């Protein structure tokens, strides 16, 4: 069956005005995805187009939260080989439709992104963090929503994923550790799952994106590590009878993160700014590793010496001191600028005096400027300046009214219920036309 024929009935029902019709379509799609063995990428994209419109039509916070959880949960209801392609189509759809989302509906789509991230980590945890699935998932993120230079992906999606990534990942890992017996070990590839952000630090040319990545990922890991060390020291100082507060375990491998950062910083085709940022992260994590007794992370100290020498070579060289001829040219330049300034000032004064003489001979009549006449006892010079200032203000108001300037800075009122209803009708018409 062709992809268009499969997606068409689901798309029309998912974009229906009636909530019962949309809920029934979601249940039918859930059953269909669980039985379907293979999907083409075009087919999944069309299905997500219908799901996007379905989520667009949902109103009220409780309904939106339930629907976001249901849509994100579709990842767990399908075969494992289709889940990553389903996630890839989801992020592509969000990137394509993001600029059409108005500010009133923006929060619920942020919620959908968070639920999808949480469910994707839960999917990896259910597979016992199978290495092939984890690597494919990391590759999908690096080539999709967390690509460092893809202009088709809005930065707002990148920033939001950076903000929620560690939160959702640690929630899933802590929940898994809580239900696992102490005798069993769980091999969670925490550093591998950080590779998309290390790739951003190595390949991005956007300073704001790199700053967000450092603050939202790497600085947070260092802060958690510092809190863990402080809690361990507090436990050592406590007496035998006292009970320590329960805390969530620190799950990241500092030493492994340093090795991965250093490996990426040694790539030959990196920009100098990216190398410096990576080496700064290496130094920060290395100092943190030294606090737990890891004196040398590298196999030898030669790598550290080479990195320090490379940093010194990349530092800009100081300019040589100016010679006598340079100082003389600079002094002559200052004198010539001073002479030009004096000539310009004299010319301006001459021009102003000429204008005042003409104005004194032919003063502006009161009826021409629209104001009452000036008292006869005032000097002519003051009268001329007053008239010139008034005409300037009058001309300014005529060209650009002050009321217009103030109105441009006032925020636009929120759309009315009728406007939102009209927008929903347009979106539904677009969905019906798309799936026909």
Protein backbone atom coordinates (compact mmCIF):
# COMPACT_ATOMS: atom_id res chain seq x y z
CA UNK A 1 0.00 0.00 0.00
CA UNK A 2 1.37 3.44 -0.86
CA UNK A 3 2.40 5.83 1.84
CA UNK A 4 -0.20 8.41 0.76
CA UNK A 5 -3.03 5.86 0.98
CA UNK A 6 -1.96 4.81 4.48
CA UNK A 7 -1.48 8.30 5.91
CA UNK A 8 -4.59 9.87 4.36
CA UNK A 9 -7.31 8.29 6.58
CA UNK A 10 -5.27 8.81 9.74
CA UNK A 11 -4.41 12.40 8.82
CA UNK A 12 -8.02 13.50 8.27
CA UNK A 13 -9.19 11.95 11.53
CA UNK A 14 -6.23 13.26 13.55
CA UNK A 15 -6.97 16.83 12.41
CA UNK A 16 -10.71 16.62 13.11
CA UNK A 17 -12.48 19.28 15.18
CA UNK A 18 -14.14 16.69 17.41
CA UNK A 19 -11.95 15.49 20.30
CA UNK A 20 -13.58 12.05 20.34
CA UNK A 21 -12.68 11.57 16.67
CA UNK A 22 -9.06 12.56 17.32
CA UNK A 23 -8.77 10.24 20.33
CA UNK A 24 -10.18 7.35 18.34
CA UNK A 25 -7.70 8.04 15.54
CA UNK A 26 -4.76 8.06 18.00
CA UNK A 27 -5.85 4.67 19.41
CA UNK A 28 -6.17 3.21 15.92
CA UNK A 29 -2.74 4.57 14.98
CA UNK A 30 -1.23 3.08 18.15
CA UNK A 31 -2.57 -0.36 17.19
CA UNK A 32 -1.42 0.08 13.60
CA UNK A 33 2.14 1.03 14.63
CA UNK A 34 2.44 -1.98 16.94
CA UNK A 35 1.57 -4.39 14.09
CA UNK A 36 3.39 -2.72 11.22
CA UNK A 37 6.81 -4.29 10.62
CA UNK A 38 8.36 -1.80 8.20
CA UNK A 39 7.84 1.87 7.50
CA UNK A 40 9.20 4.16 4.82
CA UNK A 41 10.52 7.52 5.98
CA UNK A 42 7.97 9.37 3.85
CA UNK A 43 5.15 7.41 5.46
CA UNK A 44 6.34 8.25 8.98
CA UNK A 45 6.70 11.93 8.06
CA UNK A 46 3.09 12.03 6.86
CA UNK A 47 1.89 10.33 10.03
CA UNK A 48 3.73 12.89 12.17
CA UNK A 49 2.18 15.67 10.10
CA UNK A 50 -1.23 14.41 11.17
CA UNK A 51 -0.09 14.02 14.80
CA UNK A 52 1.23 17.59 14.75
CA UNK A 53 -2.19 18.88 13.70
CA UNK A 54 -3.83 16.64 16.30
CA UNK A 55 -1.72 18.22 19.03
CA UNK A 56 -2.42 21.67 17.56
CA UNK A 57 -6.18 21.19 18.01
CA UNK A 58 -5.89 20.08 21.66
CA UNK A 59 -6.97 22.62 24.28
CA UNK A 60 -6.79 22.84 28.10
CA UNK A 61 -3.63 21.90 30.04
CA UNK A 62 -4.81 18.49 31.26
CA UNK A 63 -5.82 17.38 27.76
CA UNK A 64 -2.51 18.63 26.33
CA UNK A 65 -0.45 16.81 28.97
CA UNK A 66 -2.29 13.53 28.42
CA UNK A 67 -1.99 13.79 24.64
CA UNK A 68 1.73 14.68 24.83
CA UNK A 69 2.35 11.60 26.98
CA UNK A 70 0.33 9.44 24.55
CA UNK A 71 2.12 10.70 21.44
CA UNK A 72 5.56 10.31 23.02
CA UNK A 73 4.59 6.84 24.26
CA UNK A 74 4.08 5.63 20.69
CA UNK A 75 7.86 5.03 20.63
CA UNK A 76 7.46 2.14 23.06
CA UNK A 77 4.47 0.63 21.22
CA UNK A 78 6.30 -0.15 17.99
CA UNK A 79 9.11 -2.56 17.07
CA UNK A 80 12.57 -1.40 18.13
CA UNK A 81 13.83 -1.15 14.56
CA UNK A 82 11.15 1.48 13.76
CA UNK A 83 11.51 3.61 16.90
CA UNK A 84 14.56 5.65 15.87
CA UNK A 85 13.12 6.44 12.43
CA UNK A 86 9.91 7.50 14.18
CA UNK A 87 11.92 9.84 16.44
CA UNK A 88 13.84 11.21 13.47
CA UNK A 89 10.60 12.02 11.65
CA UNK A 90 9.28 13.69 14.82
CA UNK A 91 12.23 16.08 15.06
CA UNK A 92 12.09 16.82 11.33
CA UNK A 93 8.40 17.68 11.59
CA UNK A 94 8.99 19.93 14.59
CA UNK A 95 11.80 21.74 12.76
CA UNK A 96 9.68 22.24 9.63
CA UNK A 97 6.59 23.46 11.49
CA UNK A 98 8.27 25.40 14.32
CA UNK A 99 8.08 28.88 12.81
CA UNK A 100 4.33 28.49 12.26
CA UNK A 101 3.62 27.98 15.98
CA UNK A 102 2.21 31.06 17.68
CA UNK A 103 3.31 32.16 21.14
CA UNK A 104 0.11 30.89 22.80
CA UNK A 105 0.73 27.30 21.66
CA UNK A 106 4.52 27.37 22.09
CA UNK A 107 4.58 26.02 25.65
CA UNK A 108 2.65 22.87 24.83
CA UNK A 109 5.08 22.02 22.02
CA UNK A 110 7.96 22.51 24.46
CA UNK A 111 6.12 19.99 26.64
CA UNK A 112 5.87 17.57 23.72
CA UNK A 113 9.64 17.85 23.15
CA UNK A 114 10.28 17.07 26.81
CA UNK A 115 7.98 14.03 26.80
CA UNK A 116 9.59 12.70 23.61
CA UNK A 117 13.06 13.07 25.14
CA UNK A 118 11.98 11.26 28.30
CA UNK A 119 10.37 8.41 26.37
CA UNK A 120 13.42 7.99 24.15
CA UNK A 121 15.66 7.51 27.20
CA UNK A 122 13.11 5.08 28.64
CA UNK A 123 13.22 3.15 25.36
CA UNK A 124 17.03 2.87 25.64
CA UNK A 125 16.78 1.82 29.29
CA UNK A 126 14.26 -0.91 28.43
CA UNK A 127 16.77 -2.27 25.92
CA UNK A 128 19.42 -2.39 28.70
CA UNK A 129 21.33 0.41 26.95
CA UNK A 130 22.16 -1.81 23.99
CA UNK A 131 25.33 -0.28 22.39
CA UNK A 132 24.05 -0.37 18.81
CA UNK A 133 20.80 1.39 19.69
CA UNK A 134 22.63 3.98 21.81
CA UNK A 135 25.08 4.77 19.00
CA UNK A 136 22.26 5.04 16.45
CA UNK A 137 20.31 7.32 18.79
CA UNK A 138 23.34 9.58 19.36
CA UNK A 139 23.96 9.72 15.60
CA UNK A 140 20.31 10.64 14.98
CA UNK A 141 20.58 13.54 17.46
CA UNK A 142 23.93 14.74 16.10
CA UNK A 143 22.66 14.75 12.51
CA UNK A 144 19.20 16.04 13.38
CA UNK A 145 18.01 18.44 16.11
CA UNK A 146 21.47 18.87 17.69
CA UNK A 147 23.39 19.36 14.47
CA UNK A 148 25.84 22.22 15.11
CA UNK A 149 25.37 23.99 11.77
CA UNK A 150 22.06 22.87 10.17
CA UNK A 151 20.13 26.04 9.35
CA UNK A 152 16.86 24.10 8.95
CA UNK A 153 16.77 23.38 12.70
CA UNK A 154 15.63 26.42 14.74
CA UNK A 155 17.96 27.38 17.57
CA UNK A 156 14.99 27.39 19.97
CA UNK A 157 14.74 23.59 19.61
CA UNK A 158 18.47 23.19 20.27
CA UNK A 159 18.34 25.42 23.34
CA UNK A 160 15.35 23.59 24.79
CA UNK A 161 16.92 20.17 24.26
CA UNK A 162 20.08 21.41 25.99
CA UNK A 163 18.00 22.59 28.96
CA UNK A 164 16.06 19.33 29.42
CA UNK A 165 18.62 16.71 28.31
CA UNK A 166 20.31 16.03 31.65
CA UNK A 167 17.06 16.30 33.61
CA UNK A 168 15.24 13.63 31.62
CA UNK A 169 18.31 11.40 31.27
CA UNK A 170 19.07 11.39 34.99
CA UNK A 171 15.42 10.78 35.91
CA UNK A 172 15.37 7.61 33.82
CA UNK A 173 18.72 6.36 35.11
CA UNK A 174 17.86 7.04 38.77
CA UNK A 175 14.50 5.28 38.37
CA UNK A 176 16.26 2.29 36.82
CA UNK A 177 18.85 2.18 39.63
CA UNK A 178 16.09 2.33 42.24
CA UNK A 179 14.44 -0.81 40.87
CA UNK A 180 17.67 -2.75 40.29
CA UNK A 181 19.09 -5.00 43.02
CA UNK A 182 22.37 -3.85 44.54
CA UNK A 183 24.10 -7.04 43.42
CA UNK A 184 23.51 -6.22 39.75
CA UNK A 185 25.45 -3.62 37.77
CA UNK A 186 24.05 -1.41 35.01
CA UNK A 187 26.40 -0.26 32.27
CA UNK A 188 25.00 3.14 31.31
CA UNK A 189 27.05 4.81 28.52
CA UNK A 190 26.80 8.30 29.97
CA UNK A 191 29.76 9.74 28.06
CA UNK A 192 28.55 8.32 24.74
CA UNK A 193 25.22 10.06 25.27
CA UNK A 194 27.10 13.36 25.71
CA UNK A 195 28.73 13.09 22.27
CA UNK A 196 26.18 15.37 20.51
CA UNK A 197 27.16 18.22 22.83
CA UNK A 198 30.88 17.52 22.52
CA UNK A 199 30.32 17.64 18.75
CA UNK A 200 28.65 21.05 19.12
CA UNK A 201 31.69 22.35 21.02
CA UNK A 202 33.99 20.98 18.29
CA UNK A 203 32.07 21.98 15.16
CA UNK A 204 29.73 24.88 15.90
CA UNK A 205 30.55 28.44 14.89
CA UNK A 206 27.80 29.99 17.02
CA UNK A 207 29.14 31.47 20.29
CA UNK A 208 25.68 31.59 21.88
CA UNK A 209 25.02 27.91 21.14
CA UNK A 210 28.39 26.90 22.58
CA UNK A 211 27.79 29.04 25.67
CA UNK A 212 24.38 27.44 26.20
CA UNK A 213 25.96 24.00 25.82
CA UNK A 214 28.64 24.73 28.41
CA UNK A 215 26.15 26.16 30.90
CA UNK A 216 23.40 23.57 30.34
CA UNK A 217 25.53 20.42 30.13
CA UNK A 218 29.15 20.60 31.24
CA UNK A 219 28.86 23.20 34.01
CA UNK A 220 25.90 21.33 35.47
CA UNK A 221 27.89 18.09 35.56
CA UNK A 222 30.72 19.86 37.40
CA UNK A 223 28.25 21.40 39.87
CA UNK A 224 26.72 18.00 40.58
CA UNK A 225 30.20 16.55 41.06
CA UNK A 226 31.11 19.31 43.53
CA UNK A 227 27.91 18.64 45.50
CA UNK A 228 28.70 14.92 45.54
CA UNK A 229 32.18 15.58 46.95
CA UNK A 230 30.75 17.91 49.61
CA UNK A 231 28.17 15.28 50.62
CA UNK A 232 30.85 12.59 50.86
CA UNK A 233 33.01 14.80 53.08
CA UNK A 234 30.01 15.54 55.28
CA UNK A 235 29.32 11.82 55.67
CA UNK A 236 32.93 11.21 56.73
CA UNK A 237 32.66 13.88 59.42
CA UNK A 238 29.42 12.47 60.83
CA UNK A 239 29.47 10.20 63.87
CA UNK A 240 28.38 6.55 63.76
CA UNK A 241 24.94 7.17 65.29
CA UNK A 242 23.89 9.88 62.83
CA UNK A 243 22.07 9.03 59.63
CA UNK A 244 22.91 10.75 56.38
CA UNK A 245 20.27 12.11 54.04
CA UNK A 246 19.42 10.03 50.99
CA UNK A 247 20.77 11.53 47.80
CA UNK A 248 20.72 10.52 44.18
CA UNK A 249 23.98 8.95 42.95
CA UNK A 250 26.33 10.79 40.62
CA UNK A 251 26.19 8.85 37.35
CA UNK A 252 28.75 10.59 35.13
CA UNK A 253 32.36 9.45 34.56
CA UNK A 254 34.60 12.52 34.87
CA UNK A 255 37.72 10.73 33.65
CA UNK A 256 35.97 9.36 30.58
CA UNK A 257 34.57 12.81 29.75
CA UNK A 258 38.07 14.32 29.92
CA UNK A 259 39.42 11.67 27.55
CA UNK A 260 36.63 12.27 25.05
CA UNK A 261 37.03 16.06 25.17
CA UNK A 262 40.79 15.76 24.72
CA UNK A 263 40.37 13.37 21.80
CA UNK A 264 38.10 15.83 19.97
CA UNK A 265 40.39 18.79 20.73
CA UNK A 266 43.28 17.04 18.94
CA UNK A 267 41.46 16.86 15.59
CA UNK A 268 43.47 18.66 12.93
CA UNK A 269 40.60 20.37 11.07
CA UNK A 270 39.09 22.19 14.07
CA UNK A 271 38.90 25.97 14.25
CA UNK A 272 41.18 27.65 16.78
CA UNK A 273 38.25 28.99 18.80
CA UNK A 274 36.73 25.51 19.11
CA UNK A 275 40.08 24.05 20.19
CA UNK A 276 40.44 26.67 22.91
CA UNK A 277 36.95 26.00 24.24
CA UNK A 278 37.51 22.25 24.31
CA UNK A 279 40.85 22.66 26.07
CA UNK A 280 39.22 24.92 28.65
CA UNK A 281 36.68 22.18 29.35
CA UNK A 282 39.51 19.64 29.58
CA UNK A 283 41.25 21.79 32.19
CA UNK A 284 38.04 22.23 34.21
CA UNK A 285 37.20 18.53 34.26
CA UNK A 286 40.80 17.57 34.88
CA UNK A 287 40.96 19.76 37.97
CA UNK A 288 37.74 18.17 39.18
CA UNK A 289 39.22 14.71 38.60
CA UNK A 290 42.28 15.71 40.62
CA UNK A 291 40.05 16.27 43.66
CA UNK A 292 39.22 12.56 43.79
CA UNK A 293 42.86 11.50 43.61
CA UNK A 294 43.27 11.08 39.83
CA UNK A 295 46.56 12.91 39.39
CA UNK A 296 47.14 12.14 35.71
CA UNK A 297 44.38 11.22 33.32
CA UNK A 298 46.55 10.94 30.26
CA UNK A 299 48.94 8.08 29.68
CA UNK A 300 51.88 10.46 29.99
CA UNK A 301 52.54 14.10 30.77
CA UNK A 302 53.79 14.74 27.23
CA UNK A 303 50.23 15.37 25.98
CA UNK A 304 49.71 18.11 28.55
CA UNK A 305 53.01 19.75 27.56
CA UNK A 306 52.06 19.64 23.89
CA UNK A 307 48.67 21.22 24.61
CA UNK A 308 50.27 24.02 26.61
CA UNK A 309 52.77 24.71 23.83
CA UNK A 310 49.98 24.76 21.25
CA UNK A 311 48.02 27.25 23.35
CA UNK A 312 51.09 29.48 23.61
CA UNK A 313 51.59 29.37 19.84
CA UNK A 314 47.96 30.34 19.26
CA UNK A 315 48.20 33.38 21.56
CA UNK A 316 48.46 36.63 19.54
CA UNK A 317 51.97 38.07 19.47
CA UNK A 318 52.52 41.53 20.96
CA UNK A 319 53.15 44.33 18.47
CA UNK A 320 56.69 45.82 18.47
CA UNK A 321 57.15 49.29 20.02
CA UNK A 322 56.68 52.21 17.57
CA UNK A 323 59.78 53.73 16.02
CA UNK A 324 60.69 57.44 15.94
CA UNK A 325 59.33 57.81 12.42
CA UNK A 326 55.99 56.26 13.46
CA UNK A 327 55.77 58.66 16.41
CA UNK A 328 56.52 61.62 14.13
CA UNK A 329 53.85 60.56 11.61
CA UNK A 330 51.35 60.16 14.43
CA UNK A 331 52.14 63.65 15.77
CA UNK A 332 51.79 65.18 12.28
CA UNK A 333 48.48 63.40 11.87
CA UNK A 334 47.19 64.83 15.15
CA UNK A 335 48.23 68.35 14.11
CA UNK A 336 46.54 68.05 10.74
CA UNK A 337 43.34 66.81 12.41
CA UNK A 338 43.46 69.77 14.80
CA UNK A 339 43.83 72.24 11.94
CA UNK A 340 40.94 70.63 10.04
CA UNK A 341 38.74 70.82 13.13
CA UNK A 342 39.50 74.53 13.60
CA UNK A 343 38.70 75.29 9.96
CA UNK A 344 35.43 73.38 10.18
CA UNK A 345 34.47 75.23 13.36
CA UNK A 346 35.21 78.63 11.80
CA UNK A 347 33.17 77.76 8.73
CA UNK A 348 30.23 76.66 10.88
CA UNK A 349 30.33 79.88 12.92
CA UNK A 350 30.40 81.97 9.74
CA UNK A 351 27.43 80.10 8.32
CA UNK A 352 25.46 80.49 11.58
CA UNK A 353 26.11 84.25 11.79
CA UNK A 354 24.92 84.68 8.22
CA UNK A 355 21.68 82.84 8.92
CA UNK A 356 21.02 84.94 12.01
CA UNK A 357 21.53 88.18 10.07
CA UNK A 358 18.99 87.11 7.47
CA UNK A 359 16.54 86.06 10.18
CA UNK A 360 16.84 89.38 11.99
CA UNK A 361 16.07 91.31 8.83
CA UNK A 362 13.11 89.06 8.00
CA UNK A 363 11.65 87.71 11.28
CA UNK A 364 9.07 84.93 11.17
CA UNK A 365 5.56 86.19 11.58
CA UNK A 366 3.53 84.75 14.54
CA UNK A 367 0.62 83.81 12.31
CA UNK A 368 2.94 81.64 10.18
CA UNK A 369 4.07 79.39 13.04
CA UNK A 370 0.67 79.08 14.68
CA UNK A 371 1.67 80.54 18.10
CA UNK A 372 1.15 83.81 19.89
CA UNK A 373 3.59 86.60 19.11
CA UNK A 374 6.72 87.14 21.21
CA UNK A 375 6.87 90.09 23.52
CA UNK A 376 8.41 93.21 22.02
CA UNK A 377 10.98 93.58 24.76
CA UNK A 378 12.88 90.40 23.83
CA UNK A 379 16.18 90.63 21.91
CA UNK A 380 16.21 89.77 18.22
CA UNK A 381 18.78 86.98 18.64
CA UNK A 382 16.67 85.19 21.22
CA UNK A 383 13.57 85.67 19.10
CA UNK A 384 15.25 84.13 16.06
CA UNK A 385 16.49 81.11 18.04
CA UNK A 386 13.03 80.56 19.50
CA UNK A 387 11.44 80.69 16.05
CA UNK A 388 13.99 78.29 14.61
CA UNK A 389 13.49 75.84 17.47
CA UNK A 390 9.71 75.99 17.11
CA UNK A 391 9.84 75.38 13.37
CA UNK A 392 12.14 72.39 13.92
CA UNK A 393 9.74 70.81 16.41
CA UNK A 394 6.79 71.49 14.19
CA UNK A 395 8.57 69.92 11.21
CA UNK A 396 9.52 66.84 13.30
CA UNK A 397 5.95 66.30 14.43
CA UNK A 398 4.71 66.67 10.92
CA UNK A 399 7.13 64.06 9.58
CA UNK A 400 6.86 61.51 12.44
CA UNK A 401 4.13 62.16 15.06
CA UNK A 402 5.04 61.49 18.67
CA UNK A 403 1.87 59.47 19.17
CA UNK A 404 2.98 57.13 16.39
CA UNK A 405 6.36 56.56 18.08
CA UNK A 406 4.72 55.65 21.38
CA UNK A 407 2.23 53.30 19.76
CA UNK A 408 4.94 51.25 18.05
CA UNK A 409 6.34 50.11 21.42
CA UNK A 410 3.05 48.98 22.96
CA UNK A 411 2.63 45.17 22.97
CA UNK A 412 -0.05 43.73 20.75
CA UNK A 413 -3.11 42.38 22.59
CA UNK A 414 -3.62 38.60 22.68
CA UNK A 415 -5.84 37.20 19.93
CA UNK A 416 -9.51 36.82 20.72
CA UNK A 417 -11.40 33.54 20.86
CA UNK A 418 -12.87 34.20 17.43
CA UNK A 419 -9.38 34.77 15.98
CA UNK A 420 -8.13 31.51 17.51
CA UNK A 421 -11.17 29.70 16.14
CA UNK A 422 -10.48 31.10 12.69
CA UNK A 423 -6.84 29.99 12.98
CA UNK A 424 -7.93 26.47 13.93
CA UNK A 425 -10.24 26.33 10.92
CA UNK A 426 -7.37 27.37 8.64
CA UNK A 427 -5.06 24.75 10.14
CA UNK A 428 -7.70 22.04 9.72
CA UNK A 429 -8.21 23.08 6.09
CA UNK A 430 -4.45 22.84 5.53
CA UNK A 431 -4.41 19.36 7.06
CA UNK A 432 -7.35 18.15 4.95
CA UNK A 433 -5.76 19.57 1.78
CA UNK A 434 -2.42 17.99 2.71
CA UNK A 435 -3.82 14.47 3.13
CA UNK A 436 -6.09 14.51 0.08
